[in-house]
Amino acid sequence: QVQLVESGGGLVQAGGSLRLSCAASGSIFGFNTMAWYRQAPGKQREPVASISSVGTTTYADSVKGRFTISRDNAKNTMYLQMNSLKPEDTGVYYCKYLKTGFSSWGQGTQVTVSS
């Protein structure tokens, strides 16, 4: 079992920045991937960025150049630095842990970007 707790969401004006954190606890070992997803009102949950335990990263086209994903394996914590935020980045941001045959979601943190 892996438990995930997100933090760092809030209200920010367009052009501003936020840093999200996802703290993981439980049976974390071996090769794994952690990811950020987001869900806007009335829309499906979509992937934002991911990072493997060896540091390989992926980004959605919509956030490339603005968001940076990172992780501290010693602290079992993942981060998402979000710069140049846009109103369309508004949504609930979820943390996900993936390992072969297992995945776990956090409860989400709200990000609201005002125009």
N, C-alpha and C. Protein backbone atom coordinates (compact mmCIF):
# COMPACT_ATOMS: atom_id res chain seq x y z
N GLN A 1 0.84 -1.20 0.00
CA GLN A 1 0.00 0.00 0.00
C GLN A 1 0.88 1.25 0.00
N VAL A 2 0.47 2.22 -0.79
CA VAL A 2 1.15 3.51 -0.84
C VAL A 2 0.12 4.61 -0.64
N GLN A 3 0.39 5.50 0.30
CA GLN A 3 -0.49 6.63 0.56
C GLN A 3 0.15 7.91 0.02
N LEU A 4 -0.67 8.75 -0.59
CA LEU A 4 -0.18 9.98 -1.21
C LEU A 4 -0.96 11.18 -0.65
N VAL A 5 -0.23 12.24 -0.32
CA VAL A 5 -0.87 13.45 0.18
C VAL A 5 -0.32 14.64 -0.59
N GLU A 6 -1.23 15.34 -1.31
CA GLU A 6 -0.83 16.52 -2.07
C GLU A 6 -0.99 17.77 -1.23
N SER A 7 -0.20 18.79 -1.55
CA SER A 7 -0.32 20.09 -0.90
C SER A 7 0.22 21.15 -1.84
N GLY A 8 -0.08 22.41 -1.52
CA GLY A 8 0.48 23.52 -2.28
C GLY A 8 -0.47 24.21 -3.23
N GLY A 9 -1.67 23.69 -3.35
CA GLY A 9 -2.63 24.34 -4.24
C GLY A 9 -3.10 25.67 -3.68
N GLY A 10 -3.85 26.41 -4.50
CA GLY A 10 -4.36 27.69 -4.04
C GLY A 10 -4.87 28.53 -5.19
N LEU A 11 -5.12 29.80 -4.88
CA LEU A 11 -5.61 30.76 -5.86
C LEU A 11 -4.46 31.68 -6.26
N VAL A 12 -4.27 31.83 -7.57
CA VAL A 12 -3.18 32.67 -8.07
C VAL A 12 -3.66 33.39 -9.32
N GLN A 13 -3.10 34.55 -9.56
CA GLN A 13 -3.45 35.30 -10.77
C GLN A 13 -2.70 34.73 -11.98
N ALA A 14 -3.27 34.93 -13.14
CA ALA A 14 -2.60 34.49 -14.37
C ALA A 14 -1.20 35.09 -14.44
N GLY A 15 -0.25 34.25 -14.85
CA GLY A 15 1.14 34.67 -14.90
C GLY A 15 1.91 34.33 -13.64
N GLY A 16 1.19 33.95 -12.60
CA GLY A 16 1.83 33.63 -11.33
C GLY A 16 2.37 32.20 -11.29
N SER A 17 2.85 31.83 -10.10
CA SER A 17 3.48 30.52 -9.90
C SER A 17 2.94 29.83 -8.66
N LEU A 18 2.97 28.52 -8.70
CA LEU A 18 2.65 27.67 -7.55
C LEU A 18 3.57 26.47 -7.57
N ARG A 19 3.83 25.92 -6.39
CA ARG A 19 4.61 24.68 -6.30
C ARG A 19 3.78 23.65 -5.54
N LEU A 20 3.46 22.57 -6.21
CA LEU A 20 2.73 21.48 -5.58
C LEU A 20 3.70 20.43 -5.05
N SER A 21 3.30 19.79 -3.96
CA SER A 21 4.08 18.70 -3.40
C SER A 21 3.19 17.47 -3.24
N CYS A 22 3.80 16.31 -3.36
CA CYS A 22 3.10 15.04 -3.14
C CYS A 22 4.01 14.17 -2.27
N ALA A 23 3.59 13.96 -1.04
CA ALA A 23 4.36 13.14 -0.11
C ALA A 23 3.82 11.72 -0.12
N ALA A 24 4.70 10.75 -0.35
CA ALA A 24 4.31 9.35 -0.42
C ALA A 24 4.80 8.60 0.81
N SER A 25 4.00 7.66 1.27
CA SER A 25 4.40 6.81 2.38
C SER A 25 3.90 5.40 2.13
N GLY A 26 4.56 4.43 2.76
CA GLY A 26 4.16 3.05 2.58
C GLY A 26 5.24 2.24 1.90
N SER A 27 4.83 1.26 1.12
CA SER A 27 5.77 0.32 0.49
C SER A 27 6.30 0.88 -0.82
N ILE A 28 7.27 1.76 -0.70
CA ILE A 28 7.87 2.40 -1.87
C ILE A 28 9.25 1.82 -2.07
N PHE A 29 9.45 1.06 -3.14
CA PHE A 29 10.74 0.48 -3.39
C PHE A 29 10.80 0.07 -4.85
N GLY A 30 12.01 -0.09 -5.35
CA GLY A 30 12.18 -0.52 -6.73
C GLY A 30 11.80 0.54 -7.73
N PHE A 31 11.78 0.15 -9.01
CA PHE A 31 11.45 1.08 -10.07
C PHE A 31 9.97 1.46 -10.00
N ASN A 32 9.70 2.76 -10.04
CA ASN A 32 8.32 3.22 -10.01
C ASN A 32 8.22 4.55 -10.73
N THR A 33 7.03 5.00 -10.96
CA THR A 33 6.77 6.28 -11.59
C THR A 33 5.75 7.05 -10.76
N MET A 34 6.00 8.33 -10.62
CA MET A 34 5.02 9.21 -9.99
C MET A 34 4.59 10.26 -11.00
N ALA A 35 3.34 10.64 -10.91
CA ALA A 35 2.80 11.52 -11.94
C ALA A 35 1.80 12.51 -11.35
N TRP A 36 1.63 13.59 -12.07
CA TRP A 36 0.59 14.57 -11.76
C TRP A 36 -0.48 14.50 -12.85
N TYR A 37 -1.71 14.49 -12.42
CA TYR A 37 -2.86 14.59 -13.30
C TYR A 37 -3.69 15.79 -12.85
N ARG A 38 -4.56 16.26 -13.71
CA ARG A 38 -5.47 17.33 -13.30
C ARG A 38 -6.84 17.10 -13.93
N GLN A 39 -7.83 17.64 -13.25
CA GLN A 39 -9.21 17.52 -13.74
C GLN A 39 -9.90 18.86 -13.59
N ALA A 40 -10.27 19.44 -14.72
CA ALA A 40 -11.01 20.68 -14.73
C ALA A 40 -12.51 20.37 -14.60
N PRO A 41 -13.30 21.33 -14.13
CA PRO A 41 -14.75 21.10 -13.98
C PRO A 41 -15.37 20.65 -15.30
N GLY A 42 -16.10 19.55 -15.26
CA GLY A 42 -16.79 19.06 -16.44
C GLY A 42 -15.92 18.36 -17.46
N LYS A 43 -14.65 18.16 -17.13
CA LYS A 43 -13.74 17.51 -18.05
C LYS A 43 -13.14 16.25 -17.44
N GLN A 44 -12.56 15.42 -18.30
CA GLN A 44 -11.92 14.20 -17.82
C GLN A 44 -10.57 14.52 -17.20
N ARG A 45 -10.15 13.64 -16.31
CA ARG A 45 -8.82 13.77 -15.72
C ARG A 45 -7.78 13.55 -16.82
N GLU A 46 -6.75 14.39 -16.82
CA GLU A 46 -5.73 14.28 -17.86
C GLU A 46 -4.33 14.31 -17.25
N PRO A 47 -3.38 13.62 -17.89
CA PRO A 47 -2.01 13.63 -17.38
C PRO A 47 -1.35 14.98 -17.62
N VAL A 48 -0.53 15.39 -16.67
CA VAL A 48 0.20 16.65 -16.76
C VAL A 48 1.69 16.38 -16.93
N ALA A 49 2.25 15.57 -16.06
CA ALA A 49 3.69 15.27 -16.11
C ALA A 49 3.94 14.02 -15.29
N SER A 50 5.06 13.36 -15.60
CA SER A 50 5.44 12.17 -14.84
C SER A 50 6.95 12.14 -14.68
N ILE A 51 7.38 11.40 -13.67
CA ILE A 51 8.81 11.24 -13.43
C ILE A 51 9.05 9.85 -12.84
N SER A 52 10.01 9.14 -13.40
CA SER A 52 10.32 7.81 -12.90
C SER A 52 11.30 7.90 -11.74
N SER A 53 11.52 6.78 -11.09
CA SER A 53 12.45 6.75 -9.96
C SER A 53 13.90 6.94 -10.40
N VAL A 54 14.14 6.84 -11.71
CA VAL A 54 15.50 7.10 -12.22
C VAL A 54 15.58 8.46 -12.91
N GLY A 55 14.49 9.24 -12.82
CA GLY A 55 14.54 10.62 -13.28
C GLY A 55 14.03 10.90 -14.68
N THR A 56 13.50 9.92 -15.36
CA THR A 56 12.95 10.16 -16.69
C THR A 56 11.63 10.93 -16.57
N THR A 57 11.49 12.00 -17.33
CA THR A 57 10.31 12.85 -17.23
C THR A 57 9.53 12.91 -18.54
N THR A 58 8.23 13.15 -18.40
CA THR A 58 7.36 13.43 -19.55
C THR A 58 6.45 14.59 -19.18
N TYR A 59 6.02 15.33 -20.19
CA TYR A 59 5.13 16.47 -19.98
C TYR A 59 4.05 16.50 -21.04
N ALA A 60 2.87 16.96 -20.64
CA ALA A 60 1.84 17.24 -21.62
C ALA A 60 2.27 18.46 -22.44
N ASP A 61 1.91 18.49 -23.71
CA ASP A 61 2.30 19.60 -24.57
C ASP A 61 1.85 20.95 -24.00
N SER A 62 0.70 20.95 -23.34
CA SER A 62 0.13 22.20 -22.85
C SER A 62 0.93 22.84 -21.71
N VAL A 63 1.82 22.07 -21.09
CA VAL A 63 2.56 22.61 -19.94
C VAL A 63 4.07 22.67 -20.19
N LYS A 64 4.52 22.13 -21.32
CA LYS A 64 5.96 22.14 -21.62
C LYS A 64 6.50 23.57 -21.62
N GLY A 65 7.64 23.73 -20.95
CA GLY A 65 8.26 25.05 -20.87
C GLY A 65 7.75 25.90 -19.72
N ARG A 66 6.65 25.48 -19.09
CA ARG A 66 6.08 26.25 -17.97
C ARG A 66 6.13 25.47 -16.66
N PHE A 67 5.94 24.16 -16.73
CA PHE A 67 5.92 23.32 -15.53
C PHE A 67 7.19 22.48 -15.47
N THR A 68 7.66 22.22 -14.25
CA THR A 68 8.80 21.35 -14.05
C THR A 68 8.48 20.34 -12.95
N ILE A 69 8.62 19.07 -13.28
CA ILE A 69 8.40 18.01 -12.31
C ILE A 69 9.73 17.55 -11.75
N SER A 70 9.74 17.23 -10.46
CA SER A 70 10.96 16.72 -9.83
C SER A 70 10.57 15.83 -8.67
N ARG A 71 11.52 15.11 -8.14
CA ARG A 71 11.26 14.26 -6.97
C ARG A 71 12.52 14.14 -6.13
N ASP A 72 12.29 13.94 -4.85
CA ASP A 72 13.36 13.69 -3.89
C ASP A 72 13.12 12.28 -3.36
N ASN A 73 13.86 11.32 -3.88
CA ASN A 73 13.63 9.92 -3.50
C ASN A 73 13.92 9.67 -2.02
N ALA A 74 14.85 10.41 -1.45
CA ALA A 74 15.17 10.23 -0.04
C ALA A 74 13.99 10.64 0.85
N LYS A 75 13.21 11.61 0.37
CA LYS A 75 12.05 12.09 1.14
C LYS A 75 10.74 11.50 0.62
N ASN A 76 10.82 10.67 -0.44
CA ASN A 76 9.61 10.11 -1.06
C ASN A 76 8.60 11.21 -1.39
N THR A 77 9.11 12.29 -1.95
CA THR A 77 8.26 13.43 -2.27
C THR A 77 8.48 13.86 -3.71
N MET A 78 7.37 14.19 -4.37
CA MET A 78 7.40 14.67 -5.74
C MET A 78 6.90 16.11 -5.75
N TYR A 79 7.40 16.88 -6.69
CA TYR A 79 7.03 18.29 -6.78
C TYR A 79 6.59 18.64 -8.19
N LEU A 80 5.80 19.70 -8.28
CA LEU A 80 5.45 20.27 -9.58
C LEU A 80 5.56 21.78 -9.46
N GLN A 81 6.58 22.34 -10.07
CA GLN A 81 6.74 23.79 -10.12
C GLN A 81 5.97 24.30 -11.33
N MET A 82 5.01 25.16 -11.08
CA MET A 82 4.14 25.67 -12.14
C MET A 82 4.36 27.17 -12.29
N ASN A 83 4.88 27.58 -13.42
CA ASN A 83 5.12 28.99 -13.71
C ASN A 83 4.24 29.45 -14.86
N SER A 84 4.13 30.75 -15.02
CA SER A 84 3.33 31.34 -16.11
C SER A 84 1.96 30.70 -16.19
N LEU A 85 1.31 30.61 -15.05
CA LEU A 85 0.02 29.92 -14.99
C LEU A 85 -1.04 30.65 -15.81
N LYS A 86 -1.93 29.85 -16.39
CA LYS A 86 -3.02 30.36 -17.22
C LYS A 86 -4.36 29.93 -16.61
N PRO A 87 -5.43 30.64 -16.89
CA PRO A 87 -6.74 30.23 -16.38
C PRO A 87 -7.09 28.79 -16.76
N GLU A 88 -6.64 28.33 -17.91
CA GLU A 88 -6.95 26.97 -18.32
C GLU A 88 -6.17 25.91 -17.53
N ASP A 89 -5.25 26.33 -16.66
CA ASP A 89 -4.58 25.39 -15.77
C ASP A 89 -5.41 25.10 -14.52
N THR A 90 -6.52 25.79 -14.37
CA THR A 90 -7.40 25.59 -13.22
C THR A 90 -7.93 24.17 -13.18
N GLY A 91 -7.94 23.60 -11.96
CA GLY A 91 -8.48 22.26 -11.79
C GLY A 91 -7.98 21.65 -10.49
N VAL A 92 -8.42 20.43 -10.25
CA VAL A 92 -7.91 19.67 -9.12
C VAL A 92 -6.72 18.86 -9.62
N TYR A 93 -5.61 19.00 -8.93
CA TYR A 93 -4.39 18.31 -9.31
C TYR A 93 -4.20 17.09 -8.40
N TYR A 94 -4.02 15.94 -9.04
CA TYR A 94 -3.89 14.67 -8.33
C TYR A 94 -2.50 14.09 -8.55
N CYS A 95 -2.01 13.47 -7.52
CA CYS A 95 -0.74 12.76 -7.56
C CYS A 95 -1.05 11.27 -7.75
N LYS A 96 -0.24 10.60 -8.56
CA LYS A 96 -0.42 9.16 -8.79
C LYS A 96 0.91 8.45 -8.67
N TYR A 97 0.87 7.28 -8.05
CA TYR A 97 2.04 6.40 -7.92
C TYR A 97 1.77 5.15 -8.75
N LEU A 98 2.74 4.79 -9.58
CA LEU A 98 2.56 3.61 -10.42
C LEU A 98 3.76 2.67 -10.29
N LYS A 99 3.42 1.40 -10.14
CA LYS A 99 4.43 0.36 -10.12
C LYS A 99 3.77 -0.84 -10.80
N THR A 100 4.55 -1.70 -11.37
CA THR A 100 3.98 -2.85 -12.08
C THR A 100 2.94 -3.55 -11.22
N GLY A 101 1.72 -3.59 -11.70
CA GLY A 101 0.64 -4.28 -11.01
C GLY A 101 -0.02 -3.50 -9.89
N PHE A 102 0.35 -2.23 -9.71
CA PHE A 102 -0.19 -1.46 -8.60
C PHE A 102 -0.19 0.03 -8.92
N SER A 103 -1.23 0.73 -8.49
CA SER A 103 -1.25 2.19 -8.59
C SER A 103 -2.05 2.76 -7.43
N SER A 104 -1.78 4.01 -7.12
CA SER A 104 -2.46 4.66 -6.00
C SER A 104 -2.62 6.14 -6.32
N TRP A 105 -3.74 6.74 -5.87
CA TRP A 105 -4.03 8.16 -6.10
C TRP A 105 -4.07 8.92 -4.78
N GLY A 106 -3.69 10.19 -4.87
CA GLY A 106 -3.90 11.08 -3.74
C GLY A 106 -5.30 11.67 -3.78
N GLN A 107 -5.61 12.52 -2.80
CA GLN A 107 -6.97 13.07 -2.69
C GLN A 107 -7.16 14.32 -3.55
N GLY A 108 -6.06 14.91 -4.02
CA GLY A 108 -6.14 16.08 -4.89
C GLY A 108 -5.97 17.39 -4.15
N THR A 109 -5.51 18.39 -4.88
CA THR A 109 -5.39 19.75 -4.35
C THR A 109 -5.88 20.72 -5.42
N GLN A 110 -6.66 21.70 -5.01
CA GLN A 110 -7.29 22.62 -5.95
C GLN A 110 -6.31 23.72 -6.36
N VAL A 111 -6.24 23.94 -7.66
CA VAL A 111 -5.48 25.07 -8.23
C VAL A 111 -6.46 25.93 -9.01
N THR A 112 -6.53 27.20 -8.66
CA THR A 112 -7.41 28.13 -9.37
C THR A 112 -6.58 29.31 -9.87
N VAL A 113 -6.65 29.54 -11.18
CA VAL A 113 -5.90 30.64 -11.79
C VAL A 113 -6.91 31.67 -12.29
N SER A 114 -6.86 32.86 -11.74
CA SER A 114 -7.79 33.91 -12.14
C SER A 114 -7.20 34.76 -13.27
N SER A 115 -8.09 35.24 -14.13
CA SER A 115 -7.63 36.04 -15.28
C SER A 115 -7.58 37.52 -14.93
